[in-house]
Protein backbone atom coordinates (compact mmCIF):
# COMPACT_ATOMS: atom_id res chain seq x y z
CA MET A 1 1.79 -40.44 -1.54
CA ARG A 2 0.24 -39.10 1.67
CA ASN A 3 -3.46 -39.27 2.17
CA ALA A 4 -5.09 -35.90 2.58
CA ARG A 5 -6.63 -35.11 5.92
CA PRO A 6 -10.39 -34.88 5.98
CA PRO A 7 -11.91 -31.40 6.23
CA LEU A 8 -12.74 -29.94 9.61
CA PRO A 9 -16.28 -30.35 10.94
CA ASP A 10 -17.20 -26.87 9.72
CA GLY A 11 -16.21 -27.84 6.16
CA TYR A 12 -12.96 -25.87 5.86
CA ASP A 13 -9.55 -27.34 5.11
CA ARG A 14 -6.69 -26.63 7.49
CA ILE A 15 -4.04 -24.13 6.44
CA GLY A 16 -0.87 -25.80 7.60
CA PRO A 17 -1.42 -26.83 11.21
CA PHE A 18 -3.82 -23.93 11.82
CA HIS A 19 -7.57 -23.53 11.64
CA PRO A 20 -8.61 -21.21 8.79
CA TYR A 21 -10.21 -18.72 11.19
CA LEU A 22 -6.86 -18.22 12.93
CA VAL A 23 -5.08 -17.61 9.62
CA TRP A 24 -7.81 -15.20 8.47
CA ALA A 25 -7.50 -13.32 11.76
CA ALA A 26 -3.73 -13.03 11.30
CA VAL A 27 -4.15 -11.74 7.73
CA LEU A 28 -6.75 -9.23 8.92
CA LEU A 29 -4.41 -8.05 11.67
CA VAL A 30 -1.56 -7.53 9.18
CA ASP A 31 -3.92 -5.66 6.83
CA LEU A 32 -5.13 -3.40 9.64
CA ALA A 33 -1.57 -2.70 10.78
CA GLY A 34 -0.67 -1.71 7.22
CA LEU A 35 -3.71 0.55 7.00
CA VAL A 36 -2.82 2.23 10.30
CA LEU A 37 0.75 2.76 9.08
CA ILE A 38 -0.45 4.32 5.82
CA LEU A 39 -2.91 6.60 7.64
CA ALA A 40 -0.21 7.65 10.11
CA LEU A 41 2.14 8.54 7.25
CA VAL A 42 -0.58 10.58 5.53
CA ALA A 43 -1.29 12.39 8.80
CA MET A 44 2.40 13.13 9.35
CA ILE A 45 2.80 14.46 5.80
CA GLY A 46 -0.31 16.59 6.22
CA ASP A 47 1.00 17.91 9.53
CA SER A 48 4.33 18.84 7.92
CA ILE A 49 2.51 20.74 5.17
CA GLU A 50 0.29 22.45 7.73
CA ASP A 51 3.36 23.49 9.75
CA ALA A 52 4.93 24.98 6.61
CA LEU A 53 1.77 26.95 5.77
CA TRP A 54 0.76 28.01 9.30
CA PRO A 55 3.71 27.75 11.71
CA GLY A 56 3.17 27.77 15.45
CA GLY A 57 0.47 26.26 17.59
CA PHE A 58 0.25 22.88 19.27
CA ASP A 59 1.57 19.95 17.28
CA TRP A 60 -0.88 17.07 17.78
CA ILE A 61 0.95 14.50 15.66
CA ARG A 62 4.31 14.86 17.36
CA ALA A 63 2.64 15.03 20.78
CA LEU A 64 1.47 11.45 20.32
């Protein structure tokens, strides 16, 4: 059986070959990307409803 590596100097165990802060940053980045995607979908749906209710005018969502 392999001997476990000792914890890092800051007291955290490695996650694979990576420092825990790097893994936490990657998870946070994925979470934020998911949140941005959900908010973009909500904005697009709201814009479609707004176009159906009040047609015309400048379309901010599709301009981006």
